[in-house]
Protein backbone atom coordinates (compact mmCIF):
# COMPACT_ATOMS: atom_id res chain seq x y z
CA MET A 1 -21.06 0.25 18.62
CA TYR A 2 -20.55 -1.02 15.06
CA LYS A 3 -21.47 -4.69 14.71
CA HIS A 4 -18.52 -7.06 14.71
CA TYR A 5 -17.87 -10.76 14.43
CA LYS A 6 -15.16 -12.84 16.08
CA GLY A 7 -12.75 -14.57 13.75
CA GLY A 8 -9.78 -16.75 14.61
CA SER A 9 -11.03 -20.07 13.20
CA PHE A 10 -8.29 -20.05 10.53
CA LYS A 11 -4.75 -20.43 11.89
CA VAL A 12 -1.50 -20.73 10.00
CA PHE A 13 0.64 -21.32 13.12
CA SER A 14 0.69 -23.74 16.02
CA ASP A 15 1.54 -22.45 19.49
CA SER A 16 5.11 -23.66 19.07
CA ASP A 17 5.38 -21.85 15.72
CA ILE A 18 4.31 -18.60 17.37
CA LYS A 19 6.91 -19.06 20.10
CA GLN A 20 9.65 -19.59 17.50
CA ILE A 21 8.72 -16.42 15.62
CA HIS A 22 8.50 -14.43 18.84
CA GLU A 23 11.94 -15.60 19.96
CA ALA A 24 13.42 -14.87 16.51
CA THR A 25 11.90 -11.38 16.67
CA LEU A 26 13.44 -10.68 20.08
CA TYR A 27 16.81 -11.84 18.74
CA LEU A 28 16.59 -9.62 15.66
CA LEU A 29 15.58 -6.52 17.64
CA GLU A 30 18.31 -7.00 20.25
CA LYS A 31 21.21 -8.38 18.17
CA VAL A 32 20.65 -7.08 14.65
CA GLY A 33 18.67 -3.94 15.41
CA ILE A 34 16.77 -1.37 13.33
CA LYS A 35 18.48 1.33 11.27
CA ILE A 36 16.81 4.59 12.36
CA HIS A 37 17.59 7.69 10.27
CA ASN A 38 15.53 9.95 12.54
CA LYS A 39 17.80 11.65 15.11
CA ARG A 40 14.95 12.38 17.57
CA ALA A 41 13.90 8.74 17.57
CA ARG A 42 17.46 7.52 18.13
CA GLN A 43 17.74 9.83 21.13
CA ILE A 44 14.41 8.60 22.56
CA PHE A 45 15.61 5.01 22.31
CA ALA A 46 18.98 5.90 23.83
CA ASP A 47 17.39 7.78 26.72
CA ASN A 48 15.38 4.67 27.57
CA GLY A 49 18.27 2.23 27.51
CA ALA A 50 18.57 0.96 23.95
CA SER A 51 21.99 0.54 22.35
CA VAL A 52 22.49 3.22 19.69
CA ASP A 53 25.43 3.24 17.27
CA SER A 54 25.94 6.86 16.23
CA GLU A 55 27.98 5.88 13.16
CA THR A 56 25.62 3.33 11.65
CA ASN A 57 22.37 4.71 13.18
CA ILE A 58 21.48 1.17 14.19
CA VAL A 59 19.39 0.88 17.34
CA LYS A 60 19.38 -2.42 19.24
CA ILE A 61 16.32 -2.89 21.41
CA PRO A 62 16.62 -5.05 24.53
CA LYS A 63 14.08 -7.74 25.35
CA GLY A 64 12.81 -5.88 28.41
CA MET A 65 12.00 -2.78 26.35
CA VAL A 66 10.04 -4.89 23.87
CA GLU A 67 8.07 -6.57 26.65
CA ASP A 68 7.37 -3.30 28.46
CA ALA A 69 6.00 -1.73 25.28
CA ILE A 70 3.75 -4.70 24.57
CA ASP A 71 2.46 -4.58 28.16
CA SER A 72 1.79 -0.83 28.09
CA ASN A 73 0.04 -0.78 24.72
CA PRO A 74 -3.77 -1.11 25.07
CA SER A 75 -5.19 -4.52 24.26
CA LYS A 76 -8.50 -2.83 23.47
CA ILE A 77 -8.72 0.21 21.20
CA ILE A 78 -11.95 1.95 20.24
CA LEU A 79 -11.84 3.86 16.97
CA CYS A 80 -14.87 6.13 16.95
CA GLY A 81 -17.11 7.37 14.21
CA ARG A 82 -18.65 10.81 14.26
CA GLU A 83 -21.81 8.85 15.01
CA GLU A 84 -21.59 6.35 17.87
CA LYS A 85 -23.26 3.62 15.81
CA ASN A 86 -20.07 3.52 13.74
CA ASP A 87 -17.64 2.99 16.64
CA LEU A 88 -15.21 0.08 16.19
CA LEU A 89 -13.98 -2.15 18.99
CA LEU A 90 -10.52 -3.53 18.15
CA GLU A 91 -9.89 -6.33 20.60
CA GLY A 92 -9.16 -10.05 20.53
CA THR A 93 -10.36 -11.55 17.25
CA ASN A 94 -13.04 -8.96 16.43
CA VAL A 95 -13.15 -8.40 12.66
CA HIS A 96 -13.89 -5.21 10.72
CA LEU A 97 -13.18 -4.54 7.02
CA GLY A 98 -12.85 -1.21 5.24
CA THR A 99 -11.16 0.77 2.49
CA GLY A 100 -7.53 1.73 1.94
CA GLY A 101 -4.80 2.16 -0.61
CA THR A 102 -3.97 5.86 -1.16
CA VAL A 103 -3.96 5.17 -4.91
CA LEU A 104 -3.21 7.62 -7.71
CA ASN A 105 -5.81 6.51 -10.29
CA THR A 106 -9.45 5.60 -10.61
CA LEU A 107 -11.62 4.10 -13.32
CA ASP A 108 -13.86 7.00 -14.30
CA LEU A 109 -17.52 6.30 -13.65
CA ASP A 110 -18.55 8.00 -16.92
CA THR A 111 -15.93 6.75 -19.37
CA GLY A 112 -14.60 3.63 -17.66
CA LYS A 113 -11.11 4.87 -18.48
CA LYS A 114 -8.26 5.19 -15.99
CA ARG A 115 -7.50 8.76 -14.86
CA PRO A 116 -5.73 10.50 -11.93
CA THR A 117 -7.76 10.77 -8.71
CA ARG A 118 -9.04 14.16 -7.58
CA VAL A 119 -10.53 15.80 -4.51
CA ASP A 120 -14.01 14.90 -5.71
CA ASP A 121 -12.94 11.24 -5.68
CA VAL A 122 -11.89 11.50 -2.03
CA ALA A 123 -15.40 12.81 -1.35
CA GLY A 124 -17.03 10.25 -3.65
CA TYR A 125 -15.30 7.23 -2.17
CA ALA A 126 -16.04 8.51 1.34
CA LYS A 127 -19.71 8.78 0.39
CA MET A 128 -19.65 5.24 -1.00
CA THR A 129 -18.12 4.10 2.30
CA ASP A 130 -20.86 5.85 4.23
CA ALA A 131 -23.62 4.20 2.20
CA LEU A 132 -22.39 0.60 1.87
CA ASP A 133 -23.30 -1.38 4.96
CA ASN A 134 -20.39 -3.84 5.11
CA ILE A 135 -17.69 -1.15 5.01
CA ALA A 136 -16.78 -0.48 8.64
CA PHE A 137 -14.32 2.40 8.22
CA PHE A 138 -12.74 4.79 5.71
CA VAL A 139 -8.99 4.58 5.27
CA ILE A 140 -8.60 7.47 2.84
CA ASN A 141 -8.02 5.54 -0.34
CA CYS A 142 -6.82 8.04 -2.94
CA TYR A 143 -4.43 10.95 -3.43
CA PRO A 144 -5.95 14.11 -4.94
CA ASP A 145 -3.89 15.10 -7.97
CA ASP A 146 -5.59 18.49 -8.26
CA VAL A 147 -4.26 20.16 -5.09
CA PRO A 148 -0.69 21.17 -4.15
CA THR A 149 1.28 18.88 -1.82
CA GLU A 150 1.02 21.30 1.09
CA ASP A 151 -2.79 21.09 0.95
CA VAL A 152 -3.15 17.33 0.34
CA ASP A 153 -3.47 16.27 3.99
CA VAL A 154 -6.13 18.76 5.02
CA ASN A 155 -8.14 18.09 1.85
CA ARG A 156 -8.02 14.31 2.26
CA PHE A 157 -9.22 14.39 5.86
CA TYR A 158 -11.71 17.23 5.39
CA HIS A 159 -13.48 15.60 2.45
CA GLY A 160 -13.33 12.23 4.17
CA LEU A 161 -14.93 13.54 7.35
CA ALA A 162 -17.48 15.60 5.43
CA ASN A 163 -18.76 12.58 3.51
CA THR A 164 -18.81 9.74 6.02
CA SER A 165 -19.55 9.48 9.72
CA LYS A 166 -17.56 6.25 9.92
CA HIS A 167 -14.03 6.27 11.36
CA VAL A 168 -11.46 8.04 9.13
CA MET A 169 -7.82 6.94 9.04
CA GLY A 170 -5.11 8.10 6.68
CA GLY A 171 -1.47 8.48 5.87
CA ILE A 172 0.21 11.87 6.05
CA TYR A 173 2.50 13.72 3.62
CA THR A 174 3.80 16.78 5.51
CA MET A 175 4.28 17.73 9.17
CA ASP A 176 2.34 20.97 8.67
CA GLY A 177 -0.44 18.90 7.11
CA LEU A 178 -0.50 16.52 10.07
CA LYS A 179 -0.70 19.39 12.55
CA SER A 180 -3.51 20.99 10.54
CA VAL A 181 -5.45 17.73 10.39
CA ILE A 182 -5.17 17.22 14.15
CA SER A 183 -6.23 20.83 14.74
CA MET A 184 -9.17 20.45 12.33
CA ALA A 185 -10.30 17.25 14.06
CA GLU A 186 -10.12 19.04 17.42
CA ASP A 187 -12.28 21.83 16.00
CA ILE A 188 -14.87 19.31 14.81
CA ALA A 189 -14.77 17.39 18.10
CA GLY A 190 -15.07 20.52 20.25
CA GLY A 191 -11.56 20.48 21.71
CA LYS A 192 -8.40 18.46 22.23
CA GLU A 193 -9.69 16.39 25.15
CA LYS A 194 -12.98 15.59 23.42
CA LEU A 195 -11.06 14.29 20.42
CA LYS A 196 -8.94 12.06 22.67
CA GLU A 197 -12.12 10.79 24.38
CA ARG A 198 -13.73 9.95 21.05
CA PRO A 199 -11.01 9.73 18.38
CA PHE A 200 -12.79 9.69 15.02
CA VAL A 201 -9.48 10.08 13.16
CA SER A 202 -6.31 8.01 13.30
CA PHE A 203 -3.05 7.88 11.38
CA ILE A 204 -0.78 5.49 9.45
CA THR A 205 2.97 5.77 10.14
CA LEU A 206 4.85 3.29 7.97
CA MET A 207 7.89 1.22 8.88
CA MET A 208 10.32 0.34 6.06
CA SER A 209 11.77 -3.03 5.10
CA PRO A 210 14.17 -4.46 5.88
CA LEU A 211 14.48 -3.18 9.48
CA LEU A 212 14.43 0.55 8.79
CA MET A 213 12.77 3.74 10.04
CA GLU A 214 13.13 6.79 7.80
CA VAL A 215 12.98 10.42 8.88
CA ASP A 216 9.54 11.79 7.95
CA TYR A 217 7.25 8.91 8.88
CA THR A 218 9.09 8.59 12.19
CA ASP A 219 8.55 12.29 12.86
CA PHE A 220 4.85 11.77 12.13
CA LEU A 221 4.74 8.82 14.54
CA ILE A 222 6.30 10.91 17.32
CA GLU A 223 3.87 13.78 16.68
CA VAL A 224 0.76 11.57 16.70
CA ALA A 225 1.84 9.69 19.83
CA SER A 226 2.65 13.00 21.55
CA ASN A 227 -0.95 14.03 20.94
CA GLY A 228 -2.28 10.74 22.37
CA LEU A 229 -4.13 9.79 19.19
CA PRO A 230 -4.49 6.32 17.66
CA LEU A 231 -1.93 5.28 15.09
CA THR A 232 -0.83 2.15 13.30
CA THR A 233 2.74 1.05 12.55
CA PRO A 234 2.53 -1.33 9.58
CA SER A 235 5.47 -2.53 7.53
CA GLU A 236 5.38 -3.85 3.98
CA PRO A 237 8.03 -6.50 3.45
CA LEU A 238 7.69 -8.23 0.06
CA ALA A 239 8.65 -11.89 0.19
CA GLY A 240 11.55 -12.50 -2.16
CA ALA A 241 12.50 -8.82 -2.46
CA ASN A 242 13.11 -6.93 0.80
CA SER A 243 12.29 -9.89 3.03
CA PRO A 244 12.99 -13.64 2.89
CA VAL A 245 11.13 -15.56 0.20
CA THR A 246 9.74 -17.87 2.88
CA LEU A 247 6.45 -16.70 4.33
CA ALA A 248 7.55 -17.46 7.90
CA GLY A 249 10.65 -15.31 7.37
CA THR A 250 8.57 -12.45 5.97
CA ILE A 251 6.16 -12.66 8.91
CA THR A 252 9.11 -12.58 11.31
CA ILE A 253 10.63 -9.45 9.78
CA ASN A 254 7.17 -7.83 9.59
CA ASN A 255 6.74 -8.63 13.27
CA ALA A 256 10.06 -7.03 14.21
CA GLU A 257 9.44 -3.90 12.15
CA SER A 258 5.89 -3.26 13.32
CA LEU A 259 6.87 -3.85 16.94
CA GLY A 260 9.76 -1.41 16.46
CA GLY A 261 7.31 1.38 15.63
CA LEU A 262 4.97 0.35 18.42
CA ILE A 263 7.86 0.43 20.93
CA LEU A 264 8.75 3.98 19.86
CA SER A 265 5.13 5.08 20.33
CA GLN A 266 5.14 3.71 23.87
CA LEU A 267 8.45 5.43 24.68
CA VAL A 268 6.97 8.72 23.48
CA ASN A 269 3.64 8.27 25.29
CA LYS A 270 3.18 5.21 27.46
CA GLY A 271 -0.24 3.69 26.86
CA ASN A 272 -0.75 5.39 23.49
CA PRO A 273 -3.34 3.46 21.41
CA THR A 274 -1.09 1.91 18.77
CA ILE A 275 -2.14 -0.78 16.29
CA TYR A 276 0.27 -3.48 15.12
CA GLY A 277 0.25 -3.66 11.35
CA SER A 278 1.03 -5.41 8.09
CA THR A 279 0.61 -4.48 4.44
CA SER A 280 2.92 -7.29 3.39
CA SER A 281 2.74 -9.37 0.23
CA ILE A 282 5.05 -11.08 -2.26
CA MET A 283 7.02 -9.99 -5.31
CA ASP A 284 6.28 -11.69 -8.61
CA MET A 285 9.63 -13.36 -9.22
CA ARG A 286 9.09 -13.31 -12.99
CA SER A 287 8.37 -9.59 -13.39
CA GLY A 288 9.67 -8.01 -10.18
CA THR A 289 6.19 -6.58 -9.52
CA TYR A 290 4.42 -6.15 -6.19
CA MET A 291 1.45 -8.51 -5.98
CA SER A 292 -1.70 -7.35 -4.17
CA GLY A 293 -4.10 -10.21 -4.94
CA ALA A 294 -1.78 -13.11 -4.13
CA ILE A 295 -3.07 -15.73 -1.70
CA GLU A 296 0.38 -15.68 -0.05
CA SER A 297 -0.33 -12.08 0.99
CA ALA A 298 -3.41 -13.31 2.82
CA LEU A 299 -1.40 -16.04 4.53
CA ILE A 300 1.24 -13.53 5.66
CA ASN A 301 -1.43 -11.24 7.08
CA ALA A 302 -3.18 -14.16 8.75
CA GLY A 303 0.12 -15.15 10.35
CA CYS A 304 0.69 -11.60 11.57
CA ALA A 305 -2.83 -11.64 13.01
CA GLN A 306 -1.88 -14.66 15.11
CA MET A 307 1.20 -12.82 16.36
CA SER A 308 -0.96 -9.82 17.31
CA HIS A 309 -3.30 -12.13 19.24
CA PHE A 310 -0.26 -13.57 21.04
CA TYR A 311 0.76 -10.05 22.09
CA LYS A 312 -2.85 -9.02 22.82
CA ILE A 313 -2.44 -5.99 20.57
CA PRO A 314 -5.04 -4.99 17.93
CA MET A 315 -3.98 -5.50 14.32
CA TYR A 316 -4.27 -3.54 11.07
CA GLY A 317 -3.98 -5.92 8.12
CA THR A 318 -4.60 -6.24 4.39
CA GLY A 319 -6.98 -8.31 2.28
CA GLY A 320 -9.45 -7.99 -0.58
CA MET A 321 -7.31 -6.52 -3.36
CA SER A 322 -6.79 -7.66 -6.95
CA ASP A 323 -4.08 -7.34 -9.58
CA SER A 324 -6.65 -7.32 -12.38
CA LYS A 325 -6.91 -4.15 -14.46
CA MET A 326 -10.69 -4.25 -14.56
CA VAL A 327 -13.67 -5.49 -12.54
CA ASP A 328 -13.70 -9.02 -13.95
CA ILE A 329 -13.54 -12.67 -12.86
CA GLN A 330 -9.94 -12.30 -11.68
CA ALA A 331 -10.89 -9.29 -9.56
CA GLY A 332 -13.67 -11.33 -8.01
CA TYR A 333 -11.74 -14.44 -7.02
CA GLU A 334 -8.58 -12.67 -5.86
CA SER A 335 -10.48 -10.16 -3.73
CA ALA A 336 -12.88 -12.71 -2.26
CA ASN A 337 -10.23 -15.27 -1.36
CA THR A 338 -7.77 -12.87 0.27
CA ALA A 339 -10.48 -11.03 2.23
CA MET A 340 -11.98 -14.32 3.42
CA VAL A 341 -8.67 -15.76 4.67
CA VAL A 342 -7.62 -12.65 6.58
CA ALA A 343 -11.11 -12.20 8.04
CA LEU A 344 -11.25 -15.81 9.24
CA SER A 345 -7.85 -15.30 10.91
CA GLY A 346 -9.39 -12.71 13.25
CA CYS A 347 -7.48 -9.66 12.03
CA ASN A 348 -9.20 -6.70 13.67
CA TYR A 349 -8.94 -3.93 11.08
CA ILE A 350 -8.65 -5.17 7.50
CA HIS A 351 -8.07 -2.28 5.12
CA ASP A 352 -7.80 -2.29 1.29
CA ALA A 353 -10.85 -4.58 1.10
CA PHE A 354 -12.96 -2.39 -1.20
CA GLY A 355 -12.47 -1.14 -4.74
CA LEU A 356 -8.77 -1.82 -5.37
CA LEU A 357 -7.31 -3.06 -8.66
CA GLU A 358 -4.01 -3.20 -10.57
CA PHE A 359 -1.43 -3.85 -7.82
CA CYS A 360 -3.19 -1.41 -5.48
CA THR A 361 -2.77 1.53 -7.89
CA THR A 362 -6.31 1.95 -9.22
CA LEU A 363 -9.76 2.32 -7.67
CA SER A 364 -13.17 1.44 -9.05
CA TYR A 365 -16.52 2.72 -7.82
CA GLU A 366 -18.19 -0.38 -9.25
CA LYS A 367 -15.79 -2.71 -7.46
CA MET A 368 -16.63 -1.07 -4.14
CA VAL A 369 -20.25 -2.14 -4.67
CA ALA A 370 -19.23 -5.67 -5.68
CA ASP A 371 -16.84 -5.96 -2.74
CA ASN A 372 -19.64 -4.98 -0.38
CA ASP A 373 -21.36 -8.28 -1.24
CA SER A 374 -18.10 -10.23 -1.16
CA VAL A 375 -17.18 -8.89 2.28
CA GLY A 376 -20.72 -9.53 3.50
CA MET A 377 -20.24 -13.20 2.62
CA ALA A 378 -16.82 -13.24 4.32
CA LEU A 379 -18.33 -11.80 7.48
CA ARG A 380 -21.04 -14.45 7.39
CA ALA A 381 -18.33 -17.10 7.25
CA VAL A 382 -16.51 -15.43 10.16
CA LYS A 383 -19.71 -15.48 12.16
CA GLY A 384 -19.80 -19.25 11.88
CA VAL A 385 -22.65 -21.55 12.92
CA GLU A 386 -24.42 -20.76 16.17
CA THR A 387 -25.16 -24.01 17.98
CA ASN A 388 -27.63 -24.29 20.86
CA LYS A 389 -30.88 -26.04 21.66
CA ASP A 390 -32.94 -23.56 19.65
CA THR A 391 -30.75 -23.66 16.52
CA ILE A 392 -30.37 -27.45 16.54
CA ALA A 393 -34.17 -27.31 16.38
CA THR A 394 -35.00 -30.83 17.55
CA SER A 395 -38.52 -29.84 18.64
CA VAL A 396 -39.27 -28.15 15.31
CA ILE A 397 -37.96 -31.13 13.36
CA GLU A 398 -40.14 -33.39 15.51
CA GLU A 399 -43.17 -31.15 14.96
CA VAL A 400 -42.78 -31.11 11.16
CA GLY A 401 -41.89 -34.78 10.98
CA PRO A 402 -41.08 -36.72 7.81
CA ALA A 403 -42.12 -35.20 4.44
CA GLY A 404 -43.20 -31.83 5.89
CA HIS A 405 -41.88 -28.28 5.34
CA TYR A 406 -40.68 -25.36 7.46
CA LEU A 407 -41.88 -22.36 5.47
CA ASP A 408 -44.72 -21.45 7.81
CA LYS A 409 -42.92 -22.08 11.09
CA GLU A 410 -42.25 -19.30 13.60
CA HIS A 411 -38.76 -20.77 14.04
CA THR A 412 -38.04 -19.97 10.37
CA VAL A 413 -39.24 -16.37 10.70
CA LYS A 414 -37.26 -15.94 13.91
CA HIS A 415 -33.94 -17.12 12.51
CA VAL A 416 -33.86 -16.60 8.74
CA ARG A 417 -32.40 -13.06 8.70
CA ASN A 418 -29.76 -13.97 11.23
CA GLU A 419 -28.79 -17.26 9.59
CA PHE A 420 -28.77 -16.24 5.90
CA TYR A 421 -26.75 -13.46 4.26
CA PHE A 422 -28.85 -11.58 1.72
CA PRO A 423 -26.59 -10.00 -0.95
CA SER A 424 -27.62 -6.67 -2.38
CA LEU A 425 -25.85 -6.95 -5.75
CA ALA A 426 -26.01 -10.64 -6.67
CA ASP A 427 -28.87 -11.73 -8.92
CA ARG A 428 -30.65 -14.80 -7.52
CA ASN A 429 -33.71 -14.62 -9.75
CA PRO A 430 -34.70 -17.27 -12.29
CA ARG A 431 -33.32 -16.64 -15.78
CA SER A 432 -36.78 -15.58 -17.03
CA VAL A 433 -37.00 -12.80 -14.44
CA TRP A 434 -33.38 -11.74 -15.07
CA GLU A 435 -34.08 -11.50 -18.81
CA ALA A 436 -37.30 -9.58 -18.24
CA GLU A 437 -35.35 -7.06 -16.15
CA GLY A 438 -32.83 -6.41 -18.91
CA SER A 439 -30.30 -9.27 -18.60
CA LYS A 440 -27.93 -6.99 -16.68
CA ASP A 441 -24.60 -8.45 -15.59
CA ALA A 442 -23.12 -7.78 -12.16
CA PHE A 443 -20.87 -4.97 -13.40
CA THR A 444 -23.84 -3.10 -14.90
CA ARG A 445 -25.80 -3.46 -11.68
CA ALA A 446 -22.79 -2.27 -9.66
CA HIS A 447 -22.35 0.71 -11.97
CA GLU A 448 -25.98 1.71 -11.52
CA GLU A 449 -25.76 1.34 -7.74
CA ALA A 450 -22.60 3.45 -7.56
CA ARG A 451 -24.31 6.19 -9.58
CA ARG A 452 -27.36 6.03 -7.32
CA ILE A 453 -25.27 6.35 -4.15
CA LEU A 454 -23.27 9.29 -5.45
CA SER A 455 -26.38 11.16 -6.57
CA GLU A 456 -28.79 10.30 -3.74
CA HIS A 457 -26.91 9.43 -0.52
CA LYS A 458 -26.78 12.21 2.06
CA PRO A 459 -23.92 11.85 4.58
CA LEU A 460 -23.90 13.53 7.99
CA GLY A 461 -21.67 16.39 6.83
CA PHE A 462 -21.08 19.53 8.91
CA SER A 463 -23.32 22.29 10.17
CA GLU A 464 -23.22 25.56 8.23
CA ASP A 465 -21.28 27.21 11.06
CA MET A 466 -18.70 24.43 11.21
CA GLU A 467 -18.36 24.37 7.44
CA LYS A 468 -17.70 28.12 7.43
CA LYS A 469 -15.23 27.90 10.31
CA LEU A 470 -13.20 25.13 8.71
CA ARG A 471 -13.01 26.75 5.30
CA GLU A 472 -11.98 30.10 6.80
CA LYS A 473 -9.35 28.56 9.08
CA TYR A 474 -7.90 26.04 6.59
CA LYS A 475 -7.59 28.01 3.38
CA GLY A 476 -6.24 25.10 1.36
CA ILE A 477 -9.54 23.17 1.43
CA LYS A 478 -10.82 22.87 -2.12
């Protein structure tokens, strides 16, 4: 099982606040409803007792249906890796951070210039994920511009699975692509039931704001749930644009939308492992632009995490992004602050935490390396301070006494690696040593480490027979 730490020390809501948001959510779902453009979904809701207006396509969901879905959804979900050491336990306030974004551009590792992402970037970022120790999972973080739309899904998941043995999650673009990805995962797992026993892939099925389900994503949700595979139902309300400008209002509408998708998954397949979700942020009221590095985004996601804890449902959230156009000071403080806040809130599955720049439209290999240190520090903060007789260390303090030191004590050796986080990128040498080693700044060191990983790291990959089988069966793999 992948190591995890328990968050939850940071809370934006009191118990009474949570109750108010829950009651407002029940009111919105039952009295205002969700506009559902997907005919199949409307029929599923109608068959189970929801009020469906055939003229407006608005579905009103009764309180009992909401409560039944929350009760039937697992409170513990295990997202597996292809290697058991990479399994993730999503439960309570366990915290894991990983990639995400599905962006269209990357900063080229050779030129530093922005260019469209390609299939080799899907593979490259998966390999970076596999190598960097604080990345817990791979949400496929880019869209390959060099393959046709009908082959995008199978290429994204194939190259993801081929280059990391950590859990792979992704969005989907076509129904044929989704079916091919599920079939491919079953081939790799050794059959449908084996994949359900150890699901090393999962899927993102977006809700729309405000209070909307469109046709395609809802079809994908129904298909994934019908196959009994893990999925997440995040929504992305932007405070001030398609949700109220108040953060509490945005959290409330996010809560209603994500629960709407979760309810549908439970109506399709009771007990299906479905993850509550948020990718919410704010709109810059001066420019009308989506903000990815805003601290308000972290507060919204932290609030949603508290709602997920209230429902005892695992949560998929967002933190660690930046609106900077390059890997600079702004990228550092925006990414570190948002990742830290959401991690401390106890969000279970924090995606987008590695490599993202420019309003979540651009990736950087170097930033992935830098974020690995930043997330490592966030996880150390989440871990907190262990307090017991041994760590309080009264006997050791007594033994050393006034004016002594602790360098040669067994207690120091025993605890130092567990108590201190040792960054892999940060330079903690004296200036004289730093100068002797070339006076390299953090970006240069990150660039060198990214190049080393891409040239030297060897992921699990597939056997020759499996590689041949997949490429013969799924002709669109590039």
